[in-house]
């Protein structure tokens, strides 16, 4: 259980259409557990459409359009990547090492929060 003083005293300004990361403090009662988009802003409550963010690299093709319903098995994105050709197979091994490298989830979470903040700044 979260304590009532879990969040700071100041809260972000919430606007219509804003994207919310999970575990972001929106009120004094603790963080909003799920991510989503703000649909209704009222003095006493918010209505948030539940949504799950997916981070992609620049150049990625996103399939579908805003508001379109996606079903299980639908393709969300197509990633673009470059494959270098080399005669020496050992030259590609460090890349395999990087793919399997264990990374802190905190850095991913912070990066996601920065991207969502950037998107929200561009909402009119």
Protein backbone atom coordinates (compact mmCIF):
# COMPACT_ATOMS: atom_id res chain seq x y z
CA UNK A 1 0.00 0.00 0.00
CA UNK A 2 1.23 3.48 -0.83
CA UNK A 3 1.21 6.22 1.76
CA UNK A 4 -0.70 9.45 1.12
CA UNK A 5 2.58 11.40 1.23
CA UNK A 6 4.15 9.23 -1.49
CA UNK A 7 3.92 11.98 -4.13
CA UNK A 8 5.34 15.47 -4.02
CA UNK A 9 3.19 18.45 -3.11
CA UNK A 10 3.25 19.88 -6.65
CA UNK A 11 1.48 17.99 -9.43
CA UNK A 12 1.79 18.32 -13.21
CA UNK A 13 -0.66 20.40 -15.19
CA UNK A 14 -2.94 17.92 -16.94
CA UNK A 15 -4.29 18.74 -20.41
CA UNK A 16 -6.69 16.99 -22.77
CA UNK A 17 -4.91 14.49 -25.01
CA UNK A 18 -1.87 14.27 -22.76
CA UNK A 19 -0.02 10.94 -22.63
CA UNK A 20 0.63 9.59 -19.13
CA UNK A 21 3.43 7.16 -18.21
CA UNK A 22 2.71 4.48 -15.64
CA UNK A 23 3.51 5.28 -12.01
CA UNK A 24 3.35 9.08 -12.50
CA UNK A 25 1.93 11.12 -9.61
CA UNK A 26 -1.20 12.97 -10.71
CA UNK A 27 -2.66 13.60 -7.26
CA UNK A 28 -1.79 13.39 -3.57
CA UNK A 29 -3.10 9.82 -3.22
CA UNK A 30 -0.23 8.17 -5.08
CA UNK A 31 0.90 7.47 -8.61
CA UNK A 32 -1.41 6.54 -11.48
CA UNK A 33 -0.55 2.87 -11.98
CA UNK A 34 -1.28 2.47 -15.72
CA UNK A 35 -0.19 4.43 -18.78
CA UNK A 36 -2.71 6.05 -21.12
CA UNK A 37 -4.13 9.21 -22.68
CA UNK A 38 -6.23 11.87 -20.92
CA UNK A 39 -9.75 11.98 -22.40
CA UNK A 40 -11.64 14.14 -19.87
CA UNK A 41 -10.29 16.71 -17.41
CA UNK A 42 -12.60 17.71 -14.57
CA UNK A 43 -11.84 19.52 -11.30
CA UNK A 44 -12.69 16.35 -9.35
CA UNK A 45 -11.58 13.56 -11.69
CA UNK A 46 -9.80 12.50 -14.88
CA UNK A 47 -10.85 9.97 -17.48
CA UNK A 48 -7.83 8.19 -18.94
CA UNK A 49 -7.90 5.78 -21.89
CA UNK A 50 -5.67 2.86 -21.02
CA UNK A 51 -2.80 2.52 -23.50
CA UNK A 52 0.53 0.77 -23.58
CA UNK A 53 3.49 2.66 -25.07
CA UNK A 54 5.96 0.92 -27.36
CA UNK A 55 9.34 2.51 -28.03
CA UNK A 56 10.72 2.19 -31.54
CA UNK A 57 13.80 3.39 -33.37
CA UNK A 58 13.76 6.23 -35.91
CA UNK A 59 12.77 5.00 -39.38
CA UNK A 60 10.43 2.33 -38.04
CA UNK A 61 7.20 1.84 -40.01
CA UNK A 62 4.11 2.03 -37.78
CA UNK A 63 1.13 0.06 -39.12
CA UNK A 64 -2.38 1.28 -38.38
CA UNK A 65 -3.77 4.70 -37.58
CA UNK A 66 -4.83 6.66 -34.49
CA UNK A 67 -8.04 5.24 -33.04
CA UNK A 68 -7.90 2.07 -35.13
CA UNK A 69 -8.68 -1.16 -33.28
CA UNK A 70 -5.85 -3.68 -33.24
CA UNK A 71 -6.38 -7.39 -32.80
CA UNK A 72 -4.16 -10.15 -31.51
CA UNK A 73 -1.64 -11.10 -34.17
CA UNK A 74 -1.81 -7.73 -36.00
CA UNK A 75 1.54 -6.24 -36.98
CA UNK A 76 2.24 -3.08 -34.97
CA UNK A 77 5.59 -1.99 -36.39
CA UNK A 78 8.27 -2.99 -38.87
CA UNK A 79 11.78 -2.23 -37.67
CA UNK A 80 14.43 -0.99 -40.09
CA UNK A 81 17.95 -2.15 -39.46
CA UNK A 82 21.21 -2.38 -41.36
CA UNK A 83 23.07 -5.61 -41.75
CA UNK A 84 26.76 -5.17 -42.36
CA UNK A 85 28.49 -7.70 -44.55
CA UNK A 86 31.83 -9.00 -43.47
CA UNK A 87 34.12 -11.79 -44.56
CA UNK A 88 35.26 -12.26 -40.97
CA UNK A 89 32.51 -13.84 -38.86
CA UNK A 90 34.15 -12.81 -35.57
CA UNK A 91 33.65 -9.16 -36.50
CA UNK A 92 29.89 -9.52 -35.80
CA UNK A 93 30.22 -11.19 -32.41
CA UNK A 94 30.31 -7.99 -30.29
CA UNK A 95 26.88 -7.10 -31.70
CA UNK A 96 25.45 -10.40 -30.44
CA UNK A 97 27.03 -9.61 -27.09
CA UNK A 98 25.32 -6.21 -27.04
CA UNK A 99 21.92 -7.73 -27.84
CA UNK A 100 22.21 -10.17 -24.95
CA UNK A 101 23.63 -7.58 -22.55
CA UNK A 102 21.59 -7.08 -19.38
CA UNK A 103 20.56 -3.46 -18.93
CA UNK A 104 18.91 -1.58 -16.12
CA UNK A 105 15.15 -1.11 -16.52
CA UNK A 106 15.49 2.30 -14.84
CA UNK A 107 17.26 3.75 -17.88
CA UNK A 108 14.48 2.49 -20.17
CA UNK A 109 11.83 3.95 -17.86
CA UNK A 110 13.59 7.33 -17.74
CA UNK A 111 13.92 7.36 -21.54
CA UNK A 112 10.21 6.57 -21.91
CA UNK A 113 9.26 9.39 -19.53
CA UNK A 114 11.43 11.86 -21.52
CA UNK A 115 9.79 10.80 -24.80
CA UNK A 116 6.26 11.08 -23.39
CA UNK A 117 7.10 14.52 -21.99
CA UNK A 118 8.33 15.55 -25.45
CA UNK A 119 5.14 14.29 -27.10
CA UNK A 120 3.00 16.12 -24.54
CA UNK A 121 4.85 19.38 -25.19
CA UNK A 122 3.84 19.15 -28.87
CA UNK A 123 0.12 18.68 -28.08
CA UNK A 124 -1.69 22.00 -28.80
